[in-house]
Amino acid sequence: QINSIKIIGNPKNKAGVIAFTIKGIHPHDIATILDEDGVAIRAGHHCCQILHQKLNLTATARVSIGVYNTKDDIDILCKAIENCRKIFELK
């Protein structure tokens, strides 16, 4: 668990694709910082503008995890997200 992250939808029902936000950081900034840390994600509406409007979201970050990903990949993702929080001085 990482502070400030909001997973869009019910986390218990998520599998390989997880949309999320981090309070205080725009999703495009999240994607840029993660890219600099070697982690590729998507940011934006993901062809779901109406849903984003309904949820009052300007955009979301989206990570896709598949069978080819390892536990190390997940650890790298988590460290990169923590780096976002450090850059934006979030607690």
PDB file of N, CA and C in Angstrom:
ATOM      1  N   GLN A   1       0.851  -1.186   0.000  1.00  0.00           N
ATOM      2  CA  GLN A   1       0.000   0.000   0.000  1.00  0.00           C
ATOM      3  C   GLN A   1       0.888   1.238   0.000  1.00  0.00           C
ATOM      4  N   ILE A   2       0.512   2.228  -0.803  1.00  0.00           N
ATOM      5  CA  ILE A   2       1.255   3.482  -0.907  1.00  0.00           C
ATOM      6  C   ILE A   2       0.302   4.617  -0.572  1.00  0.00           C
ATOM      7  N   ASN A   3       0.723   5.479   0.350  1.00  0.00           N
ATOM      8  CA  ASN A   3      -0.119   6.611   0.748  1.00  0.00           C
ATOM      9  C   ASN A   3      -0.426   7.499  -0.442  1.00  0.00           C
ATOM     10  N   SER A   4      -1.555   8.137  -0.413  1.00  0.00           N
ATOM     11  CA  SER A   4      -2.016   9.125  -1.398  1.00  0.00           C
ATOM     12  C   SER A   4      -2.549   8.511  -2.683  1.00  0.00           C
ATOM     13  N   ILE A   5      -2.427   7.210  -2.882  1.00  0.00           N
ATOM     14  CA  ILE A   5      -2.921   6.593  -4.114  1.00  0.00           C
ATOM     15  C   ILE A   5      -4.388   6.238  -3.962  1.00  0.00           C
ATOM     16  N   LYS A   6      -5.138   6.567  -5.010  1.00  0.00           N
ATOM     17  CA  LYS A   6      -6.538   6.152  -5.072  1.00  0.00           C
ATOM     18  C   LYS A   6      -6.689   5.265  -6.298  1.00  0.00           C
ATOM     19  N   ILE A   7      -7.038   4.021  -6.080  1.00  0.00           N
ATOM     20  CA  ILE A   7      -7.302   3.112  -7.190  1.00  0.00           C
ATOM     21  C   ILE A   7      -8.733   3.346  -7.645  1.00  0.00           C
ATOM     22  N   ILE A   8      -8.915   3.509  -8.942  1.00  0.00           N
ATOM     23  CA  ILE A   8     -10.234   3.766  -9.499  1.00  0.00           C
ATOM     24  C   ILE A   8     -10.958   2.424  -9.620  1.00  0.00           C
ATOM     25  N   GLY A   9     -12.116   2.341  -9.001  1.00  0.00           N
ATOM     26  CA  GLY A   9     -12.860   1.091  -8.974  1.00  0.00           C
ATOM     27  C   GLY A   9     -12.526   0.312  -7.712  1.00  0.00           C
ATOM     28  N   ASN A  10     -13.079  -0.866  -7.609  1.00  0.00           N
ATOM     29  CA  ASN A  10     -12.868  -1.715  -6.443  1.00  0.00           C
ATOM     30  C   ASN A  10     -11.554  -2.475  -6.594  1.00  0.00           C
ATOM     31  N   PRO A  11     -10.557  -2.195  -5.744  1.00  0.00           N
ATOM     32  CA  PRO A  11      -9.252  -2.860  -5.876  1.00  0.00           C
ATOM     33  C   PRO A  11      -9.340  -4.384  -5.829  1.00  0.00           C
ATOM     34  N   LYS A  12     -10.309  -4.919  -5.123  1.00  0.00           N
ATOM     35  CA  LYS A  12     -10.444  -6.375  -5.023  1.00  0.00           C
ATOM     36  C   LYS A  12     -10.876  -7.001  -6.344  1.00  0.00           C
ATOM     37  N   ASN A  13     -11.445  -6.183  -7.241  1.00  0.00           N
ATOM     38  CA  ASN A  13     -11.907  -6.689  -8.534  1.00  0.00           C
ATOM     39  C   ASN A  13     -10.933  -6.379  -9.662  1.00  0.00           C
ATOM     40  N   LYS A  14      -9.746  -5.897  -9.342  1.00  0.00           N
ATOM     41  CA  LYS A  14      -8.770  -5.540 -10.363  1.00  0.00           C
ATOM     42  C   LYS A  14      -7.877  -6.725 -10.670  1.00  0.00           C
ATOM     43  N   ALA A  15      -7.469  -6.821 -11.911  1.00  0.00           N
ATOM     44  CA  ALA A  15      -6.552  -7.881 -12.311  1.00  0.00           C
ATOM     45  C   ALA A  15      -5.318  -7.248 -12.937  1.00  0.00           C
ATOM     46  N   GLY A  16      -5.262  -7.195 -14.250  1.00  0.00           N
ATOM     47  CA  GLY A  16      -4.061  -6.733 -14.928  1.00  0.00           C
ATOM     48  C   GLY A  16      -3.991  -5.261 -15.236  1.00  0.00           C
ATOM     49  N   VAL A  17      -5.112  -4.564 -15.242  1.00  0.00           N
ATOM     50  CA  VAL A  17      -5.118  -3.140 -15.586  1.00  0.00           C
ATOM     51  C   VAL A  17      -5.652  -2.360 -14.393  1.00  0.00           C
ATOM     52  N   ILE A  18      -4.841  -1.423 -13.915  1.00  0.00           N
ATOM     53  CA  ILE A  18      -5.215  -0.650 -12.734  1.00  0.00           C
ATOM     54  C   ILE A  18      -5.093   0.835 -13.052  1.00  0.00           C
ATOM     55  N   ALA A  19      -6.218   1.542 -12.984  1.00  0.00           N
ATOM     56  CA  ALA A  19      -6.218   2.999 -13.133  1.00  0.00           C
ATOM     57  C   ALA A  19      -6.141   3.599 -11.735  1.00  0.00           C
ATOM     58  N   PHE A  20      -5.332   4.653 -11.596  1.00  0.00           N
ATOM     59  CA  PHE A  20      -5.157   5.253 -10.280  1.00  0.00           C
ATOM     60  C   PHE A  20      -4.824   6.736 -10.395  1.00  0.00           C
ATOM     61  N   THR A  21      -4.951   7.418  -9.278  1.00  0.00           N
ATOM     62  CA  THR A  21      -4.503   8.801  -9.154  1.00  0.00           C
ATOM     63  C   THR A  21      -3.672   8.896  -7.882  1.00  0.00           C
ATOM     64  N   ILE A  22      -2.850   9.927  -7.821  1.00  0.00           N
ATOM     65  CA  ILE A  22      -2.116  10.254  -6.604  1.00  0.00           C
ATOM     66  C   ILE A  22      -2.495  11.685  -6.266  1.00  0.00           C
ATOM     67  N   LYS A  23      -3.071  11.860  -5.103  1.00  0.00           N
ATOM     68  CA  LYS A  23      -3.524  13.185  -4.685  1.00  0.00           C
ATOM     69  C   LYS A  23      -2.356  14.171  -4.745  1.00  0.00           C
ATOM     70  N   GLY A  24      -2.577  15.273  -5.477  1.00  0.00           N
ATOM     71  CA  GLY A  24      -1.567  16.314  -5.574  1.00  0.00           C
ATOM     72  C   GLY A  24      -0.631  16.194  -6.760  1.00  0.00           C
ATOM     73  N   ILE A  25      -0.777  15.128  -7.562  1.00  0.00           N
ATOM     74  CA  ILE A  25       0.091  14.955  -8.736  1.00  0.00           C
ATOM     75  C   ILE A  25      -0.785  14.657  -9.952  1.00  0.00           C
ATOM     76  N   HIS A  26      -0.621  15.431 -11.016  1.00  0.00           N
ATOM     77  CA  HIS A  26      -1.380  15.174 -12.242  1.00  0.00           C
ATOM     78  C   HIS A  26      -0.894  13.859 -12.857  1.00  0.00           C
ATOM     79  N   PRO A  27      -1.803  13.051 -13.373  1.00  0.00           N
ATOM     80  CA  PRO A  27      -1.411  11.768 -13.967  1.00  0.00           C
ATOM     81  C   PRO A  27      -0.341  11.867 -15.058  1.00  0.00           C
ATOM     82  N   HIS A  28      -0.339  12.945 -15.836  1.00  0.00           N
ATOM     83  CA  HIS A  28       0.706  13.084 -16.850  1.00  0.00           C
ATOM     84  C   HIS A  28       2.074  13.280 -16.201  1.00  0.00           C
ATOM     85  N   ASP A  29       2.114  13.972 -15.059  1.00  0.00           N
ATOM     86  CA  ASP A  29       3.371  14.109 -14.324  1.00  0.00           C
ATOM     87  C   ASP A  29       3.813  12.756 -13.766  1.00  0.00           C
ATOM     88  N   ILE A  30       2.864  11.974 -13.274  1.00  0.00           N
ATOM     89  CA  ILE A  30       3.181  10.626 -12.786  1.00  0.00           C
ATOM     90  C   ILE A  30       3.821   9.815 -13.912  1.00  0.00           C
ATOM     91  N   ALA A  31       3.206   9.826 -15.082  1.00  0.00           N
ATOM     92  CA  ALA A  31       3.713   9.053 -16.218  1.00  0.00           C
ATOM     93  C   ALA A  31       5.108   9.507 -16.624  1.00  0.00           C
ATOM     94  N   THR A  32       5.352  10.812 -16.606  1.00  0.00           N
ATOM     95  CA  THR A  32       6.663  11.339 -16.985  1.00  0.00           C
ATOM     96  C   THR A  32       7.734  10.901 -15.998  1.00  0.00           C
ATOM     97  N   ILE A  33       7.438  11.020 -14.708  1.00  0.00           N
ATOM     98  CA  ILE A  33       8.414  10.638 -13.681  1.00  0.00           C
ATOM     99  C   ILE A  33       8.674   9.134 -13.726  1.00  0.00           C
ATOM    100  N   LEU A  34       7.619   8.335 -13.856  1.00  0.00           N
ATOM    101  CA  LEU A  34       7.818   6.891 -13.934  1.00  0.00           C
ATOM    102  C   LEU A  34       8.631   6.515 -15.168  1.00  0.00           C
ATOM    103  N   ASP A  35       8.392   7.210 -16.283  1.00  0.00           N
ATOM    104  CA  ASP A  35       9.158   6.959 -17.497  1.00  0.00           C
ATOM    105  C   ASP A  35      10.643   7.216 -17.254  1.00  0.00           C
ATOM    106  N   GLU A  36      10.951   8.291 -16.536  1.00  0.00           N
ATOM    107  CA  GLU A  36      12.351   8.594 -16.215  1.00  0.00           C
ATOM    108  C   GLU A  36      12.966   7.509 -15.334  1.00  0.00           C
ATOM    109  N   ASP A  37      12.127   6.808 -14.576  1.00  0.00           N
ATOM    110  CA  ASP A  37      12.587   5.701 -13.732  1.00  0.00           C
ATOM    111  C   ASP A  37      12.515   4.351 -14.459  1.00  0.00           C
ATOM    112  N   GLY A  38      12.215   4.387 -15.760  1.00  0.00           N
ATOM    113  CA  GLY A  38      12.202   3.167 -16.558  1.00  0.00           C
ATOM    114  C   GLY A  38      10.912   2.369 -16.505  1.00  0.00           C
ATOM    115  N   VAL A  39       9.831   3.007 -16.048  1.00  0.00           N
ATOM    116  CA  VAL A  39       8.538   2.329 -15.948  1.00  0.00           C
ATOM    117  C   VAL A  39       7.568   2.989 -16.929  1.00  0.00           C
ATOM    118  N   ALA A  40       7.027   2.208 -17.847  1.00  0.00           N
ATOM    119  CA  ALA A  40       6.097   2.740 -18.846  1.00  0.00           C
ATOM    120  C   ALA A  40       4.658   2.522 -18.386  1.00  0.00           C
ATOM    121  N   ILE A  41       3.914   3.622 -18.287  1.00  0.00           N
ATOM    122  CA  ILE A  41       2.479   3.562 -17.993  1.00  0.00           C
ATOM    123  C   ILE A  41       1.777   4.495 -18.964  1.00  0.00           C
ATOM    124  N   ARG A  42       0.476   4.557 -18.895  1.00  0.00           N
ATOM    125  CA  ARG A  42      -0.309   5.489 -19.702  1.00  0.00           C
ATOM    126  C   ARG A  42      -0.975   6.488 -18.777  1.00  0.00           C
ATOM    127  N   ALA A  43      -1.241   7.672 -19.298  1.00  0.00           N
ATOM    128  CA  ALA A  43      -1.968   8.696 -18.543  1.00  0.00           C
ATOM    129  C   ALA A  43      -2.940   9.381 -19.486  1.00  0.00           C
ATOM    130  N   GLY A  44      -4.094   9.743 -18.967  1.00  0.00           N
ATOM    131  CA  GLY A  44      -5.090  10.437 -19.774  1.00  0.00           C
ATOM    132  C   GLY A  44      -6.480   9.919 -19.489  1.00  0.00           C
ATOM    133  N   HIS A  45      -7.317   9.947 -20.554  1.00  0.00           N
ATOM    134  CA  HIS A  45      -8.706   9.490 -20.428  1.00  0.00           C
ATOM    135  C   HIS A  45      -8.879   8.017 -20.784  1.00  0.00           C
ATOM    136  N   HIS A  46      -7.940   7.453 -21.525  1.00  0.00           N
ATOM    137  CA  HIS A  46      -7.981   6.043 -21.931  1.00  0.00           C
ATOM    138  C   HIS A  46      -9.277   5.726 -22.687  1.00  0.00           C
ATOM    139  N   CYS A  47      -9.710   6.655 -23.534  1.00  0.00           N
ATOM    140  CA  CYS A  47     -10.940   6.511 -24.323  1.00  0.00           C
ATOM    141  C   CYS A  47     -12.183   6.383 -23.447  1.00  0.00           C
ATOM    142  N   CYS A  48     -12.125   6.950 -22.250  1.00  0.00           N
ATOM    143  CA  CYS A  48     -13.258   6.882 -21.302  1.00  0.00           C
ATOM    144  C   CYS A  48     -13.593   8.275 -20.778  1.00  0.00           C
ATOM    145  N   GLN A  49     -13.694   9.270 -21.665  1.00  0.00           N
ATOM    146  CA  GLN A  49     -13.949  10.635 -21.228  1.00  0.00           C
ATOM    147  C   GLN A  49     -15.227  10.750 -20.406  1.00  0.00           C
ATOM    148  N   ILE A  50     -16.276  10.079 -20.824  1.00  0.00           N
ATOM    149  CA  ILE A  50     -17.559  10.183 -20.118  1.00  0.00           C
ATOM    150  C   ILE A  50     -17.426   9.639 -18.696  1.00  0.00           C
ATOM    151  N   LEU A  51     -16.744   8.521 -18.535  1.00  0.00           N
ATOM    152  CA  LEU A  51     -16.543   7.964 -17.192  1.00  0.00           C
ATOM    153  C   LEU A  51     -15.703   8.908 -16.334  1.00  0.00           C
ATOM    154  N   HIS A  52     -14.660   9.485 -16.921  1.00  0.00           N
ATOM    155  CA  HIS A  52     -13.836  10.434 -16.169  1.00  0.00           C
ATOM    156  C   HIS A  52     -14.671  11.632 -15.722  1.00  0.00           C
ATOM    157  N   GLN A  53     -15.536  12.123 -16.602  1.00  0.00           N
ATOM    158  CA  GLN A  53     -16.410  13.236 -16.217  1.00  0.00           C
ATOM    159  C   GLN A  53     -17.332  12.821 -15.080  1.00  0.00           C
ATOM    160  N   LYS A  54     -17.917  11.638 -15.185  1.00  0.00           N
ATOM    161  CA  LYS A  54     -18.837  11.154 -14.154  1.00  0.00           C
ATOM    162  C   LYS A  54     -18.131  11.006 -12.804  1.00  0.00           C
ATOM    163  N   LEU A  55     -16.862  10.590 -12.828  1.00  0.00           N
ATOM    164  CA  LEU A  55     -16.084  10.422 -11.605  1.00  0.00           C
ATOM    165  C   LEU A  55     -15.376  11.711 -11.179  1.00  0.00           C
ATOM    166  N   ASN A  56     -15.603  12.788 -11.945  1.00  0.00           N
ATOM    167  CA  ASN A  56     -14.988  14.089 -11.665  1.00  0.00           C
ATOM    168  C   ASN A  56     -13.460  14.003 -11.663  1.00  0.00           C
ATOM    169  N   LEU A  57     -12.928  13.328 -12.670  1.00  0.00           N
ATOM    170  CA  LEU A  57     -11.486  13.174 -12.819  1.00  0.00           C
ATOM    171  C   LEU A  57     -11.031  13.861 -14.094  1.00  0.00           C
ATOM    172  N   THR A  58      -9.916  14.564 -14.025  1.00  0.00           N
ATOM    173  CA  THR A  58      -9.370  15.172 -15.234  1.00  0.00           C
ATOM    174  C   THR A  58      -8.623  14.139 -16.066  1.00  0.00           C
ATOM    175  N   ALA A  59      -8.018  13.166 -15.398  1.00  0.00           N
ATOM    176  CA  ALA A  59      -7.271  12.095 -16.058  1.00  0.00           C
ATOM    177  C   ALA A  59      -6.920  11.056 -15.000  1.00  0.00           C
ATOM    178  N   THR A  60      -6.440   9.906 -15.463  1.00  0.00           N
ATOM    179  CA  THR A  60      -5.934   8.888 -14.545  1.00  0.00           C
ATOM    180  C   THR A  60      -4.627   8.337 -15.098  1.00  0.00           C
ATOM    181  N   ALA A  61      -3.841   7.767 -14.211  1.00  0.00           N
ATOM    182  CA  ALA A  61      -2.674   6.994 -14.616  1.00  0.00           C
ATOM    183  C   ALA A  61      -3.138   5.544 -14.695  1.00  0.00           C
ATOM    184  N   ARG A  62      -2.556   4.788 -15.619  1.00  0.00           N
ATOM    185  CA  ARG A  62      -2.993   3.397 -15.780  1.00  0.00           C
ATOM    186  C   ARG A  62      -1.777   2.503 -15.978  1.00  0.00           C
ATOM    187  N   VAL A  63      -1.701   1.493 -15.155  1.00  0.00           N
ATOM    188  CA  VAL A  63      -0.619   0.519 -15.250  1.00  0.00           C
ATOM    189  C   VAL A  63      -1.214  -0.822 -15.661  1.00  0.00           C
ATOM    190  N   SER A  64      -0.502  -1.530 -16.511  1.00  0.00           N
ATOM    191  CA  SER A  64      -0.936  -2.858 -16.948  1.00  0.00           C
ATOM    192  C   SER A  64       0.110  -3.873 -16.505  1.00  0.00           C
ATOM    193  N   ILE A  65      -0.357  -4.888 -15.814  1.00  0.00           N
ATOM    194  CA  ILE A  65       0.535  -5.929 -15.320  1.00  0.00           C
ATOM    195  C   ILE A  65       0.103  -7.244 -15.951  1.00  0.00           C
ATOM    196  N   GLY A  66       1.060  -7.940 -16.535  1.00  0.00           N
ATOM    197  CA  GLY A  66       0.738  -9.192 -17.210  1.00  0.00           C
ATOM    198  C   GLY A  66       1.573 -10.351 -16.703  1.00  0.00           C
ATOM    199  N   VAL A  67       1.375 -11.495 -17.321  1.00  0.00           N
ATOM    200  CA  VAL A  67       2.082 -12.705 -16.902  1.00  0.00           C
ATOM    201  C   VAL A  67       3.589 -12.589 -17.104  1.00  0.00           C
ATOM    202  N   TYR A  68       4.009 -11.695 -17.977  1.00  0.00           N
ATOM    203  CA  TYR A  68       5.430 -11.517 -18.253  1.00  0.00           C
ATOM    204  C   TYR A  68       6.116 -10.629 -17.217  1.00  0.00           C
ATOM    205  N   ASN A  69       5.351  -9.979 -16.351  1.00  0.00           N
ATOM    206  CA  ASN A  69       5.939  -9.136 -15.309  1.00  0.00           C
ATOM    207  C   ASN A  69       6.355  -9.985 -14.115  1.00  0.00           C
ATOM    208  N   THR A  70       7.433  -9.547 -13.477  1.00  0.00           N
ATOM    209  CA  THR A  70       7.947 -10.255 -12.308  1.00  0.00           C
ATOM    210  C   THR A  70       7.660  -9.448 -11.050  1.00  0.00           C
ATOM    211  N   LYS A  71       7.909 -10.062  -9.908  1.00  0.00           N
ATOM    212  CA  LYS A  71       7.781  -9.348  -8.640  1.00  0.00           C
ATOM    213  C   LYS A  71       8.745  -8.163  -8.621  1.00  0.00           C
ATOM    214  N   ASP A  72       9.928  -8.335  -9.203  1.00  0.00           N
ATOM    215  CA  ASP A  72      10.887  -7.227  -9.282  1.00  0.00           C
ATOM    216  C   ASP A  72      10.306  -6.056 -10.066  1.00  0.00           C
ATOM    217  N   ASP A  73       9.572  -6.340 -11.144  1.00  0.00           N
ATOM    218  CA  ASP A  73       8.923  -5.273 -11.916  1.00  0.00           C
ATOM    219  C   ASP A  73       7.941  -4.496 -11.039  1.00  0.00           C
ATOM    220  N   ILE A  74       7.187  -5.212 -10.220  1.00  0.00           N
ATOM    221  CA  ILE A  74       6.216  -4.565  -9.327  1.00  0.00           C
ATOM    222  C   ILE A  74       6.944  -3.719  -8.290  1.00  0.00           C
ATOM    223  N   ASP A  75       8.049  -4.241  -7.765  1.00  0.00           N
ATOM    224  CA  ASP A  75       8.840  -3.477  -6.791  1.00  0.00           C
ATOM    225  C   ASP A  75       9.392  -2.201  -7.415  1.00  0.00           C
ATOM    226  N   ILE A  76       9.859  -2.292  -8.659  1.00  0.00           N
ATOM    227  CA  ILE A  76      10.371  -1.113  -9.367  1.00  0.00           C
ATOM    228  C   ILE A  76       9.250  -0.097  -9.557  1.00  0.00           C
ATOM    229  N   LEU A  77       8.059  -0.561  -9.927  1.00  0.00           N
ATOM    230  CA  LEU A  77       6.901   0.329 -10.068  1.00  0.00           C
ATOM    231  C   LEU A  77       6.618   1.045  -8.753  1.00  0.00           C
ATOM    232  N   CYS A  78       6.583   0.300  -7.665  1.00  0.00           N
ATOM    233  CA  CYS A  78       6.284   0.900  -6.352  1.00  0.00           C
ATOM    234  C   CYS A  78       7.339   1.925  -5.956  1.00  0.00           C
ATOM    235  N   LYS A  79       8.609   1.624  -6.221  1.00  0.00           N
ATOM    236  CA  LYS A  79       9.684   2.581  -5.910  1.00  0.00           C
ATOM    237  C   LYS A  79       9.548   3.837  -6.766  1.00  0.00           C
ATOM    238  N   ALA A  80       9.166   3.668  -8.025  1.00  0.00           N
ATOM    239  CA  ALA A  80       8.985   4.820  -8.911  1.00  0.00           C
ATOM    240  C   ALA A  80       7.814   5.681  -8.447  1.00  0.00           C
ATOM    241  N   ILE A  81       6.747   5.055  -7.972  1.00  0.00           N
ATOM    242  CA  ILE A  81       5.609   5.816  -7.440  1.00  0.00           C
ATOM    243  C   ILE A  81       6.028   6.566  -6.184  1.00  0.00           C
ATOM    244  N   GLU A  82       6.812   5.918  -5.328  1.00  0.00           N
ATOM    245  CA  GLU A  82       7.330   6.606  -4.138  1.00  0.00           C
ATOM    246  C   GLU A  82       8.198   7.791  -4.545  1.00  0.00           C
ATOM    247  N   ASN A  83       8.952   7.649  -5.633  1.00  0.00           N
ATOM    248  CA  ASN A  83       9.768   8.752  -6.134  1.00  0.00           C
ATOM    249  C   ASN A  83       8.888   9.929  -6.544  1.00  0.00           C
ATOM    250  N   CYS A  84       7.747   9.662  -7.157  1.00  0.00           N
ATOM    251  CA  CYS A  84       6.793  10.733  -7.499  1.00  0.00           C
ATOM    252  C   CYS A  84       6.396  11.490  -6.241  1.00  0.00           C
ATOM    253  N   ARG A  85       6.066  10.738  -5.214  1.00  0.00           N
ATOM    254  CA  ARG A  85       5.637  11.357  -3.957  1.00  0.00           C
ATOM    255  C   ARG A  85       6.762  12.200  -3.362  1.00  0.00           C
ATOM    256  N   LYS A  86       8.002  11.728  -3.451  1.00  0.00           N
ATOM    257  CA  LYS A  86       9.139  12.494  -2.919  1.00  0.00           C
ATOM    258  C   LYS A  86       9.343  13.780  -3.706  1.00  0.00           C
ATOM    259  N   ILE A  87       9.280  13.672  -5.034  1.00  0.00           N
ATOM    260  CA  ILE A  87       9.474  14.852  -5.884  1.00  0.00           C
ATOM    261  C   ILE A  87       8.437  15.919  -5.562  1.00  0.00           C
ATOM    262  N   PHE A  88       7.205  15.500  -5.322  1.00  0.00           N
ATOM    263  CA  PHE A  88       6.133  16.447  -5.013  1.00  0.00           C
ATOM    264  C   PHE A  88       5.975  16.682  -3.514  1.00  0.00           C
ATOM    265  N   GLU A  89       6.919  16.147  -2.741  1.00  0.00           N
ATOM    266  CA  GLU A  89       6.965  16.349  -1.288  1.00  0.00           C
ATOM    267  C   GLU A  89       5.659  15.969  -0.606  1.00  0.00           C
ATOM    268  N   LEU A  90       5.127  14.802  -0.992  1.00  0.00           N
ATOM    269  CA  LEU A  90       3.910  14.288  -0.366  1.00  0.00           C
ATOM    270  C   LEU A  90       4.296  13.360   0.777  1.00  0.00           C
ATOM    271  N   LYS A  91       3.485  13.367   1.814  1.00  0.00           N
ATOM    272  CA  LYS A  91       3.762  12.497   2.965  1.00  0.00           C
ATOM    273  C   LYS A  91       2.954  11.238   2.892  1.00  0.00           C
TER     274      LYS A  91
END
